[in-house]
PDB file of N, CA and C in Angstrom:
ATOM      1  N   MET A   1      -3.226 -11.938  13.536  1.00  0.00           N
ATOM      2  CA  MET A   1      -2.544 -10.609  12.894  1.00  0.00           C
ATOM      3  C   MET A   1      -1.139 -10.757  12.424  1.00  0.00           C
ATOM      4  N   PRO A   2      -0.479 -11.081  13.401  1.00  0.00           N
ATOM      5  CA  PRO A   2       0.916 -11.027  13.514  1.00  0.00           C
ATOM      6  C   PRO A   2       1.543 -12.029  12.657  1.00  0.00           C
ATOM      7  N   ALA A   3       0.616 -13.391  12.473  1.00  0.00           N
ATOM      8  CA  ALA A   3       1.010 -14.414  11.632  1.00  0.00           C
ATOM      9  C   ALA A   3       0.828 -13.977  10.031  1.00  0.00           C
ATOM     10  N   LEU A   4      -0.155 -13.258  10.129  1.00  0.00           N
ATOM     11  CA  LEU A   4      -0.600 -13.056   8.295  1.00  0.00           C
ATOM     12  C   LEU A   4       0.736 -11.740   8.033  1.00  0.00           C
ATOM     13  N   TYR A   5       1.026 -10.642   8.928  1.00  0.00           N
ATOM     14  CA  TYR A   5       1.980  -9.820   8.738  1.00  0.00           C
ATOM     15  C   TYR A   5       3.479 -10.742   8.141  1.00  0.00           C
ATOM     16  N   THR A   6       3.748 -11.841   9.109  1.00  0.00           N
ATOM     17  CA  THR A   6       5.169 -12.595   8.989  1.00  0.00           C
ATOM     18  C   THR A   6       4.863 -13.302   7.797  1.00  0.00           C
ATOM     19  N   LYS A   7       3.955 -13.890   7.188  1.00  0.00           N
ATOM     20  CA  LYS A   7       3.645 -14.868   6.115  1.00  0.00           C
ATOM     21  C   LYS A   7       3.890 -13.710   4.697  1.00  0.00           C
ATOM     22  N   LEU A   8       3.199 -12.263   5.164  1.00  0.00           N
ATOM     23  CA  LEU A   8       3.462 -11.426   3.946  1.00  0.00           C
ATOM     24  C   LEU A   8       4.775 -11.107   3.781  1.00  0.00           C
ATOM     25  N   VAL A   9       5.336 -10.639   4.818  1.00  0.00           N
ATOM     26  CA  VAL A   9       6.994 -10.245   4.871  1.00  0.00           C
ATOM     27  C   VAL A   9       7.803 -11.541   4.257  1.00  0.00           C
ATOM     28  N   ASN A  10       7.501 -12.790   4.552  1.00  0.00           N
ATOM     29  CA  ASN A  10       8.237 -13.595   4.085  1.00  0.00           C
ATOM     30  C   ASN A  10       8.183 -13.885   2.729  1.00  0.00           C
ATOM     31  N   GLU A  11       6.928 -13.690   1.853  1.00  0.00           N
ATOM     32  CA  GLU A  11       6.673 -13.647   0.763  1.00  0.00           C
ATOM     33  C   GLU A  11       7.666 -12.804  -0.075  1.00  0.00           C
ATOM     34  N   LEU A  12       7.429 -11.539   0.401  1.00  0.00           N
ATOM     35  CA  LEU A  12       8.245 -10.303  -0.165  1.00  0.00           C
ATOM     36  C   LEU A  12       9.626 -10.666  -0.081  1.00  0.00           C
ATOM     37  N   LEU A  13      10.113 -11.048   0.644  1.00  0.00           N
ATOM     38  CA  LEU A  13      11.911 -11.467   0.933  1.00  0.00           C
ATOM     39  C   LEU A  13      12.021 -12.744  -0.153  1.00  0.00           C
ATOM     40  N   VAL A  14      11.183 -13.665  -0.399  1.00  0.00           N
ATOM     41  CA  VAL A  14      11.098 -14.641  -1.124  1.00  0.00           C
ATOM     42  C   VAL A  14      11.260 -14.131  -2.658  1.00  0.00           C
ATOM     43  N   ARG A  15      10.420 -13.218  -2.928  1.00  0.00           N
ATOM     44  CA  ARG A  15      10.348 -12.629  -4.266  1.00  0.00           C
ATOM     45  C   ARG A  15      11.683 -12.083  -4.703  1.00  0.00           C
ATOM     46  N   SER A  16      12.005 -11.028  -3.407  1.00  0.00           N
ATOM     47  CA  SER A  16      13.123 -10.123  -3.978  1.00  0.00           C
ATOM     48  C   SER A  16      14.153 -11.114  -4.196  1.00  0.00           C
ATOM     49  N   GLN A  17      14.388 -12.116  -3.694  1.00  0.00           N
ATOM     50  CA  GLN A  17      15.515 -12.760  -3.711  1.00  0.00           C
ATOM     51  C   GLN A  17      15.375 -13.656  -4.945  1.00  0.00           C
ATOM     52  N   GLY A  18      14.510 -13.872  -5.703  1.00  0.00           N
ATOM     53  CA  GLY A  18      14.118 -14.662  -6.787  1.00  0.00           C
ATOM     54  C   GLY A  18      14.068 -15.921  -6.553  1.00  0.00           C
ATOM     55  N   MET A  19      13.804 -16.784  -5.350  1.00  0.00           N
ATOM     56  CA  MET A  19      13.505 -17.902  -5.244  1.00  0.00           C
ATOM     57  C   MET A  19      12.040 -18.149  -4.846  1.00  0.00           C
ATOM     58  N   ALA A  20      11.580 -17.979  -5.529  1.00  0.00           N
ATOM     59  CA  ALA A  20       9.866 -17.853  -5.389  1.00  0.00           C
ATOM     60  C   ALA A  20       9.455 -19.284  -5.140  1.00  0.00           C
ATOM     61  N   SER A  21       8.768 -19.619  -4.290  1.00  0.00           N
ATOM     62  CA  SER A  21       8.080 -21.015  -4.214  1.00  0.00           C
ATOM     63  C   SER A  21       7.068 -20.909  -5.380  1.00  0.00           C
ATOM     64  N   ASN A  22       6.673 -22.289  -5.597  1.00  0.00           N
ATOM     65  CA  ASN A  22       5.590 -22.436  -6.739  1.00  0.00           C
ATOM     66  C   ASN A  22       4.385 -21.529  -6.712  1.00  0.00           C
ATOM     67  N   SER A  23       3.871 -21.172  -5.818  1.00  0.00           N
ATOM     68  CA  SER A  23       2.583 -20.689  -5.592  1.00  0.00           C
ATOM     69  C   SER A  23       2.694 -18.937  -6.012  1.00  0.00           C
ATOM     70  N   VAL A  24       3.639 -18.654  -5.485  1.00  0.00           N
ATOM     71  CA  VAL A  24       4.083 -17.238  -5.580  1.00  0.00           C
ATOM     72  C   VAL A  24       4.552 -17.068  -7.057  1.00  0.00           C
ATOM     73  N   LYS A  25       5.418 -18.059  -7.367  1.00  0.00           N
ATOM     74  CA  LYS A  25       5.752 -18.044  -8.943  1.00  0.00           C
ATOM     75  C   LYS A  25       4.873 -18.120  -9.597  1.00  0.00           C
ATOM     76  N   HIS A  26       4.002 -18.757  -9.525  1.00  0.00           N
ATOM     77  CA  HIS A  26       2.501 -18.931 -10.299  1.00  0.00           C
ATOM     78  C   HIS A  26       2.143 -17.572 -10.457  1.00  0.00           C
ATOM     79  N   ARG A  27       1.832 -16.845  -9.435  1.00  0.00           N
ATOM     80  CA  ARG A  27       1.107 -15.668  -9.365  1.00  0.00           C
ATOM     81  C   ARG A  27       1.865 -14.512 -10.048  1.00  0.00           C
ATOM     82  N   LEU A  28       2.992 -14.679  -9.984  1.00  0.00           N
ATOM     83  CA  LEU A  28       3.874 -13.621 -10.502  1.00  0.00           C
ATOM     84  C   LEU A  28       3.832 -13.608 -12.180  1.00  0.00           C
ATOM     85  N   TYR A  29       3.997 -14.674 -12.568  1.00  0.00           N
ATOM     86  CA  TYR A  29       4.449 -15.071 -14.010  1.00  0.00           C
ATOM     87  C   TYR A  29       3.160 -15.430 -14.806  1.00  0.00           C
ATOM     88  N   ASP A  30       1.503 -15.467 -14.259  1.00  0.00           N
ATOM     89  CA  ASP A  30       0.726 -16.132 -14.933  1.00  0.00           C
ATOM     90  C   ASP A  30      -0.069 -14.756 -15.490  1.00  0.00           C
ATOM     91  N   SER A  31       0.009 -14.861 -16.992  1.00  0.00           N
ATOM     92  CA  SER A  31      -0.424 -14.095 -17.671  1.00  0.00           C
ATOM     93  C   SER A  31      -1.793 -13.544 -17.503  1.00  0.00           C
ATOM     94  N   ARG A  32      -2.725 -14.360 -16.885  1.00  0.00           N
ATOM     95  CA  ARG A  32      -4.240 -14.370 -16.999  1.00  0.00           C
ATOM     96  C   ARG A  32      -4.226 -13.316 -15.397  1.00  0.00           C
ATOM     97  N   CYS A  33      -3.331 -13.109 -14.790  1.00  0.00           N
ATOM     98  CA  CYS A  33      -3.161 -12.285 -13.471  1.00  0.00           C
ATOM     99  C   CYS A  33      -2.909 -10.801 -13.847  1.00  0.00           C
ATOM    100  N   ALA A  34      -2.149 -10.849 -14.931  1.00  0.00           N
ATOM    101  CA  ALA A  34      -1.378  -9.568 -15.221  1.00  0.00           C
ATOM    102  C   ALA A  34      -2.490  -8.302 -15.614  1.00  0.00           C
ATOM    103  N   TYR A  35      -2.841  -8.300 -17.034  1.00  0.00           N
ATOM    104  CA  TYR A  35      -3.758  -7.387 -17.429  1.00  0.00           C
ATOM    105  C   TYR A  35      -4.693  -7.865 -18.720  1.00  0.00           C
ATOM    106  N   PRO A  36      -5.746  -7.354 -18.885  1.00  0.00           N
ATOM    107  CA  PRO A  36      -6.333  -7.647 -19.959  1.00  0.00           C
ATOM    108  C   PRO A  36      -5.625  -7.799 -21.283  1.00  0.00           C
ATOM    109  N   ALA A  37      -5.759  -8.485 -22.321  1.00  0.00           N
ATOM    110  CA  ALA A  37      -5.140  -8.628 -23.509  1.00  0.00           C
ATOM    111  C   ALA A  37      -6.160  -8.374 -24.498  1.00  0.00           C
ATOM    112  N   THR A  38      -5.646  -8.076 -25.851  1.00  0.00           N
ATOM    113  CA  THR A  38      -6.608  -8.266 -27.105  1.00  0.00           C
ATOM    114  C   THR A  38      -5.743  -8.726 -28.059  1.00  0.00           C
ATOM    115  N   VAL A  39      -6.469  -9.741 -28.637  1.00  0.00           N
ATOM    116  CA  VAL A  39      -5.958 -10.656 -29.314  1.00  0.00           C
ATOM    117  C   VAL A  39      -6.778 -10.320 -30.901  1.00  0.00           C
ATOM    118  N   GLU A  40      -5.835 -10.391 -32.052  1.00  0.00           N
ATOM    119  CA  GLU A  40      -6.588  -9.862 -33.357  1.00  0.00           C
ATOM    120  C   GLU A  40      -6.140 -11.214 -34.295  1.00  0.00           C
ATOM    121  N   LEU A  41      -7.293 -11.760 -34.868  1.00  0.00           N
ATOM    122  CA  LEU A  41      -6.688 -12.783 -35.677  1.00  0.00           C
ATOM    123  C   LEU A  41      -7.174 -12.671 -37.169  1.00  0.00           C
ATOM    124  N   LYS A  42      -6.897 -12.894 -38.377  1.00  0.00           N
ATOM    125  CA  LYS A  42      -7.457 -13.188 -39.652  1.00  0.00           C
ATOM    126  C   LYS A  42      -8.014 -14.776 -39.662  1.00  0.00           C
ATOM    127  N   VAL A  43      -9.151 -14.658 -39.667  1.00  0.00           N
ATOM    128  CA  VAL A  43     -10.013 -15.878 -40.132  1.00  0.00           C
ATOM    129  C   VAL A  43     -10.744 -15.555 -41.136  1.00  0.00           C
ATOM    130  N   SER A  44     -11.161 -16.561 -42.127  1.00  0.00           N
ATOM    131  CA  SER A  44     -11.962 -16.485 -43.079  1.00  0.00           C
ATOM    132  C   SER A  44     -12.929 -17.554 -42.787  1.00  0.00           C
ATOM    133  N   LEU A  45     -14.027 -17.045 -42.307  1.00  0.00           N
ATOM    134  CA  LEU A  45     -15.484 -17.991 -42.359  1.00  0.00           C
ATOM    135  C   LEU A  45     -16.598 -17.406 -43.305  1.00  0.00           C
ATOM    136  N   SER A  46     -17.088 -18.333 -43.905  1.00  0.00           N
ATOM    137  CA  SER A  46     -18.081 -18.313 -45.024  1.00  0.00           C
ATOM    138  C   SER A  46     -19.889 -18.583 -44.642  1.00  0.00           C
ATOM    139  N   SER A  47     -19.422 -19.484 -43.169  1.00  0.00           N
ATOM    140  CA  SER A  47     -20.950 -19.926 -42.634  1.00  0.00           C
ATOM    141  C   SER A  47     -21.492 -19.162 -41.613  1.00  0.00           C
ATOM    142  N   ASP A  48     -22.651 -19.044 -40.964  1.00  0.00           N
ATOM    143  CA  ASP A  48     -23.204 -18.701 -39.936  1.00  0.00           C
ATOM    144  C   ASP A  48     -22.996 -19.539 -38.531  1.00  0.00           C
ATOM    145  N   SER A  49     -22.997 -21.002 -39.116  1.00  0.00           N
ATOM    146  CA  SER A  49     -22.538 -22.093 -38.257  1.00  0.00           C
ATOM    147  C   SER A  49     -21.337 -22.251 -37.698  1.00  0.00           C
ATOM    148  N   GLY A  50     -20.156 -21.925 -38.913  1.00  0.00           N
ATOM    149  CA  GLY A  50     -18.745 -21.912 -38.592  1.00  0.00           C
ATOM    150  C   GLY A  50     -18.427 -20.605 -37.583  1.00  0.00           C
ATOM    151  N   VAL A  51     -19.134 -19.843 -37.541  1.00  0.00           N
ATOM    152  CA  VAL A  51     -19.317 -18.181 -36.826  1.00  0.00           C
ATOM    153  C   VAL A  51     -19.558 -18.725 -35.492  1.00  0.00           C
ATOM    154  N   GLN A  52     -20.638 -19.410 -35.189  1.00  0.00           N
ATOM    155  CA  GLN A  52     -21.210 -19.775 -33.766  1.00  0.00           C
ATOM    156  C   GLN A  52     -20.452 -20.677 -33.211  1.00  0.00           C
ATOM    157  N   LYS A  53     -19.955 -21.512 -33.971  1.00  0.00           N
ATOM    158  CA  LYS A  53     -19.142 -22.739 -33.090  1.00  0.00           C
ATOM    159  C   LYS A  53     -17.981 -22.163 -32.946  1.00  0.00           C
ATOM    160  N   LEU A  54     -17.124 -21.248 -33.654  1.00  0.00           N
ATOM    161  CA  LEU A  54     -16.171 -20.709 -33.193  1.00  0.00           C
ATOM    162  C   LEU A  54     -16.207 -19.560 -32.005  1.00  0.00           C
ATOM    163  N   LYS A  55     -17.084 -19.081 -32.106  1.00  0.00           N
ATOM    164  CA  LYS A  55     -17.476 -17.887 -31.107  1.00  0.00           C
ATOM    165  C   LYS A  55     -17.703 -18.774 -29.744  1.00  0.00           C
ATOM    166  N   SER A  56     -18.624 -19.913 -29.724  1.00  0.00           N
ATOM    167  CA  SER A  56     -18.975 -20.631 -28.652  1.00  0.00           C
ATOM    168  C   SER A  56     -17.641 -21.398 -28.001  1.00  0.00           C
ATOM    169  N   LYS A  57     -16.818 -21.677 -28.924  1.00  0.00           N
ATOM    170  CA  LYS A  57     -15.454 -22.467 -28.597  1.00  0.00           C
ATOM    171  C   LYS A  57     -14.604 -21.456 -27.881  1.00  0.00           C
ATOM    172  N   LEU A  58     -14.277 -20.344 -28.281  1.00  0.00           N
ATOM    173  CA  LEU A  58     -13.747 -19.116 -27.676  1.00  0.00           C
ATOM    174  C   LEU A  58     -14.359 -18.580 -26.340  1.00  0.00           C
ATOM    175  N   LEU A  59     -15.473 -18.978 -26.258  1.00  0.00           N
ATOM    176  CA  LEU A  59     -16.128 -18.061 -24.942  1.00  0.00           C
ATOM    177  C   LEU A  59     -16.077 -19.131 -23.850  1.00  0.00           C
ATOM    178  N   GLN A  60     -15.800 -20.488 -24.088  1.00  0.00           N
ATOM    179  CA  GLN A  60     -15.719 -21.333 -23.310  1.00  0.00           C
ATOM    180  C   GLN A  60     -14.091 -21.424 -22.438  1.00  0.00           C
ATOM    181  N   MET A  61     -13.125 -20.740 -23.199  1.00  0.00           N
ATOM    182  CA  MET A  61     -11.762 -20.722 -22.611  1.00  0.00           C
ATOM    183  C   MET A  61     -11.786 -19.687 -21.435  1.00  0.00           C
ATOM    184  N   GLU A  62     -10.766 -20.173 -20.705  1.00  0.00           N
ATOM    185  CA  GLU A  62     -10.546 -19.523 -19.104  1.00  0.00           C
ATOM    186  C   GLU A  62     -10.138 -18.165 -19.797  1.00  0.00           C
ATOM    187  N   GLY A  63     -10.829 -17.084 -19.221  1.00  0.00           N
ATOM    188  CA  GLY A  63     -10.222 -15.877 -19.153  1.00  0.00           C
ATOM    189  C   GLY A  63     -10.825 -15.092 -20.525  1.00  0.00           C
ATOM    190  N   VAL A  64     -11.617 -15.607 -21.153  1.00  0.00           N
ATOM    191  CA  VAL A  64     -12.030 -14.595 -22.421  1.00  0.00           C
ATOM    192  C   VAL A  64     -13.542 -14.250 -21.958  1.00  0.00           C
ATOM    193  N   LYS A  65     -13.040 -12.679 -22.207  1.00  0.00           N
ATOM    194  CA  LYS A  65     -14.623 -11.775 -21.764  1.00  0.00           C
ATOM    195  C   LYS A  65     -15.274 -11.571 -23.120  1.00  0.00           C
ATOM    196  N   GLN A  66     -14.835 -11.318 -24.112  1.00  0.00           N
ATOM    197  CA  GLN A  66     -15.264 -10.888 -25.387  1.00  0.00           C
ATOM    198  C   GLN A  66     -14.840 -11.221 -26.471  1.00  0.00           C
ATOM    199  N   VAL A  67     -15.633 -11.607 -27.293  1.00  0.00           N
ATOM    200  CA  VAL A  67     -15.503 -12.070 -28.842  1.00  0.00           C
ATOM    201  C   VAL A  67     -16.204 -11.291 -29.875  1.00  0.00           C
ATOM    202  N   THR A  68     -15.402 -10.834 -30.901  1.00  0.00           N
ATOM    203  CA  THR A  68     -16.150 -10.020 -31.925  1.00  0.00           C
ATOM    204  C   THR A  68     -15.657 -10.205 -33.343  1.00  0.00           C
ATOM    205  N   MET A  69     -16.384 -10.276 -34.095  1.00  0.00           N
ATOM    206  CA  MET A  69     -16.121 -10.843 -35.454  1.00  0.00           C
ATOM    207  C   MET A  69     -16.744  -9.701 -36.538  1.00  0.00           C
ATOM    208  N   GLU A  70     -15.760  -9.405 -37.453  1.00  0.00           N
ATOM    209  CA  GLU A  70     -16.039  -8.444 -38.237  1.00  0.00           C
ATOM    210  C   GLU A  70     -15.838  -9.454 -39.665  1.00  0.00           C
ATOM    211  N   LEU A  71     -16.619  -9.820 -40.183  1.00  0.00           N
ATOM    212  CA  LEU A  71     -16.903 -10.769 -41.248  1.00  0.00           C
ATOM    213  C   LEU A  71     -16.175 -10.201 -42.501  1.00  0.00           C
ATOM    214  N   MET A  72     -16.473  -9.182 -42.879  1.00  0.00           N
ATOM    215  CA  MET A  72     -16.240  -8.226 -44.198  1.00  0.00           C
ATOM    216  C   MET A  72     -14.836  -7.806 -44.330  1.00  0.00           C
ATOM    217  N   LYS A  73     -14.092  -7.876 -43.103  1.00  0.00           N
ATOM    218  CA  LYS A  73     -12.882  -7.648 -43.078  1.00  0.00           C
ATOM    219  C   LYS A  73     -12.013  -9.041 -42.480  1.00  0.00           C
ATOM    220  N   GLU A  74     -12.790 -10.325 -42.371  1.00  0.00           N
ATOM    221  CA  GLU A  74     -12.405 -11.649 -41.917  1.00  0.00           C
ATOM    222  C   GLU A  74     -11.216 -11.106 -40.645  1.00  0.00           C
ATOM    223  N   LYS A  75     -11.720 -10.485 -39.850  1.00  0.00           N
ATOM    224  CA  LYS A  75     -11.384  -9.970 -38.332  1.00  0.00           C
ATOM    225  C   LYS A  75     -11.840 -10.601 -37.333  1.00  0.00           C
ATOM    226  N   LEU A  76     -10.881 -11.436 -36.530  1.00  0.00           N
ATOM    227  CA  LEU A  76     -11.806 -11.973 -35.193  1.00  0.00           C
ATOM    228  C   LEU A  76     -10.962 -11.094 -34.045  1.00  0.00           C
ATOM    229  N   THR A  77     -11.511 -10.531 -33.105  1.00  0.00           N
ATOM    230  CA  THR A  77     -11.152  -9.853 -31.943  1.00  0.00           C
ATOM    231  C   THR A  77     -11.487 -10.377 -30.661  1.00  0.00           C
ATOM    232  N   VAL A  78     -10.426 -11.003 -29.841  1.00  0.00           N
ATOM    233  CA  VAL A  78     -10.534 -11.476 -28.424  1.00  0.00           C
ATOM    234  C   VAL A  78     -10.056 -10.724 -27.314  1.00  0.00           C
ATOM    235  N   THR A  79     -10.636 -10.332 -26.401  1.00  0.00           N
ATOM    236  CA  THR A  79     -10.506  -9.586 -25.323  1.00  0.00           C
ATOM    237  C   THR A  79     -10.322 -10.406 -23.832  1.00  0.00           C
ATOM    238  N   GLY A  80      -9.551 -10.254 -23.197  1.00  0.00           N
ATOM    239  CA  GLY A  80      -9.461 -11.008 -21.901  1.00  0.00           C
ATOM    240  C   GLY A  80      -8.367 -11.201 -21.360  1.00  0.00           C
ATOM    241  N   HIS A  81      -8.321 -12.076 -20.121  1.00  0.00           N
ATOM    242  CA  HIS A  81      -6.968 -12.254 -19.792  1.00  0.00           C
ATOM    243  C   HIS A  81      -6.194 -13.693 -20.570  1.00  0.00           C
ATOM    244  N   VAL A  82      -5.772 -13.674 -21.776  1.00  0.00           N
ATOM    245  CA  VAL A  82      -5.747 -14.875 -22.687  1.00  0.00           C
ATOM    246  C   VAL A  82      -4.344 -14.466 -23.070  1.00  0.00           C
ATOM    247  N   LYS A  83      -3.575 -15.412 -23.312  1.00  0.00           N
ATOM    248  CA  LYS A  83      -2.458 -15.475 -24.183  1.00  0.00           C
ATOM    249  C   LYS A  83      -2.450 -15.466 -25.775  1.00  0.00           C
ATOM    250  N   ALA A  84      -1.980 -15.026 -26.760  1.00  0.00           N
ATOM    251  CA  ALA A  84      -2.210 -14.879 -28.046  1.00  0.00           C
ATOM    252  C   ALA A  84      -1.944 -16.470 -29.066  1.00  0.00           C
ATOM    253  N   ALA A  85      -1.307 -17.428 -28.206  1.00  0.00           N
ATOM    254  CA  ALA A  85      -0.762 -18.536 -28.200  1.00  0.00           C
ATOM    255  C   ALA A  85      -1.896 -19.601 -28.463  1.00  0.00           C
ATOM    256  N   GLU A  86      -2.484 -19.497 -26.975  1.00  0.00           N
ATOM    257  CA  GLU A  86      -3.638 -19.982 -26.632  1.00  0.00           C
ATOM    258  C   GLU A  86      -4.868 -19.778 -27.676  1.00  0.00           C
ATOM    259  N   VAL A  87      -5.088 -18.584 -28.053  1.00  0.00           N
ATOM    260  CA  VAL A  87      -6.470 -18.371 -28.568  1.00  0.00           C
ATOM    261  C   VAL A  87      -6.050 -18.715 -30.001  1.00  0.00           C
ATOM    262  N   LEU A  88      -4.858 -18.622 -30.580  1.00  0.00           N
ATOM    263  CA  LEU A  88      -4.264 -19.038 -32.011  1.00  0.00           C
ATOM    264  C   LEU A  88      -4.273 -20.537 -32.313  1.00  0.00           C
ATOM    265  N   LYS A  89      -4.282 -21.412 -31.052  1.00  0.00           N
ATOM    266  CA  LYS A  89      -4.452 -22.914 -31.017  1.00  0.00           C
ATOM    267  C   LYS A  89      -5.823 -23.291 -31.035  1.00  0.00           C
ATOM    268  N   THR A  90      -6.543 -22.613 -30.214  1.00  0.00           N
ATOM    269  CA  THR A  90      -7.792 -22.785 -30.064  1.00  0.00           C
ATOM    270  C   THR A  90      -8.817 -22.654 -31.658  1.00  0.00           C
ATOM    271  N   VAL A  91      -8.177 -21.476 -31.982  1.00  0.00           N
ATOM    272  CA  VAL A  91      -9.019 -20.983 -33.575  1.00  0.00           C
ATOM    273  C   VAL A  91      -8.750 -22.138 -34.371  1.00  0.00           C
ATOM    274  N   ARG A  92      -7.674 -22.485 -34.592  1.00  0.00           N
ATOM    275  CA  ARG A  92      -6.747 -23.354 -35.310  1.00  0.00           C
ATOM    276  C   ARG A  92      -7.346 -24.637 -35.603  1.00  0.00           C
ATOM    277  N   LYS A  93      -8.167 -25.092 -34.276  1.00  0.00           N
ATOM    278  CA  LYS A  93      -8.827 -26.186 -34.166  1.00  0.00           C
ATOM    279  C   LYS A  93     -10.236 -26.435 -34.778  1.00  0.00           C
ATOM    280  N   VAL A  94     -10.741 -25.233 -34.897  1.00  0.00           N
ATOM    281  CA  VAL A  94     -11.876 -24.625 -35.791  1.00  0.00           C
ATOM    282  C   VAL A  94     -11.657 -24.494 -37.225  1.00  0.00           C
ATOM    283  N   GLN A  95     -11.000 -23.506 -37.171  1.00  0.00           N
ATOM    284  CA  GLN A  95     -10.444 -23.141 -38.693  1.00  0.00           C
ATOM    285  C   GLN A  95      -9.185 -22.976 -39.177  1.00  0.00           C
ATOM    286  N   LYS A  96      -8.522 -24.070 -39.913  1.00  0.00           N
ATOM    287  CA  LYS A  96      -7.293 -24.439 -40.058  1.00  0.00           C
ATOM    288  C   LYS A  96      -6.406 -23.079 -40.730  1.00  0.00           C
ATOM    289  N   GLY A  97      -6.993 -22.197 -41.489  1.00  0.00           N
ATOM    290  CA  GLY A  97      -6.333 -21.094 -42.001  1.00  0.00           C
ATOM    291  C   GLY A  97      -6.005 -19.727 -40.949  1.00  0.00           C
ATOM    292  N   ALA A  98      -6.344 -20.212 -39.925  1.00  0.00           N
ATOM    293  CA  ALA A  98      -5.981 -18.495 -39.120  1.00  0.00           C
ATOM    294  C   ALA A  98      -4.880 -18.409 -38.404  1.00  0.00           C
ATOM    295  N   GLU A  99      -4.691 -16.871 -38.865  1.00  0.00           N
ATOM    296  CA  GLU A  99      -3.123 -16.427 -38.515  1.00  0.00           C
ATOM    297  C   GLU A  99      -3.402 -15.234 -37.608  1.00  0.00           C
ATOM    298  N   LEU A 100      -2.490 -14.618 -37.240  1.00  0.00           N
ATOM    299  CA  LEU A 100      -2.367 -13.532 -36.507  1.00  0.00           C
ATOM    300  C   LEU A 100      -2.437 -12.537 -37.082  1.00  0.00           C
ATOM    301  N   TRP A 101      -3.515 -11.152 -36.614  1.00  0.00           N
ATOM    302  CA  TRP A 101      -3.632 -10.250 -37.605  1.00  0.00           C
ATOM    303  C   TRP A 101      -2.444  -9.104 -37.674  1.00  0.00           C
ATOM    304  N   ILE A 102      -2.091  -8.635 -38.769  1.00  0.00           N
ATOM    305  CA  ILE A 102      -1.148  -7.809 -39.170  1.00  0.00           C
ATOM    306  C   ILE A 102      -1.483  -6.402 -39.366  1.00  0.00           C
ATOM    307  N   ASN A 103      -1.156  -5.554 -38.645  1.00  0.00           N
ATOM    308  CA  ASN A 103      -1.703  -4.197 -38.780  1.00  0.00           C
ATOM    309  C   ASN A 103      -1.120  -3.361 -40.139  1.00  0.00           C
TER     310      ASN A 103
END
């Protein structure tokens, strides 16, 4: 038990000094650990096969929890622990004209 306590105290000291080790720094700055995000994109899809292909690609991404599509609005919503840039990059591999949704 004392060894675990010492390890935790040392990690806190390293964090407070701003000289975090790689493993601690990774946990501090990795967006997948922070909070769930919702990414909205404008994507025009005309066929059901394109919709299914895009949905399966997105669900294979690490951190994606849910994918919803509104075909009439041409709106794609991705929920999970993901970065918007990563989602956009993946969608653009399948559908070239994708862009971030602007309210």
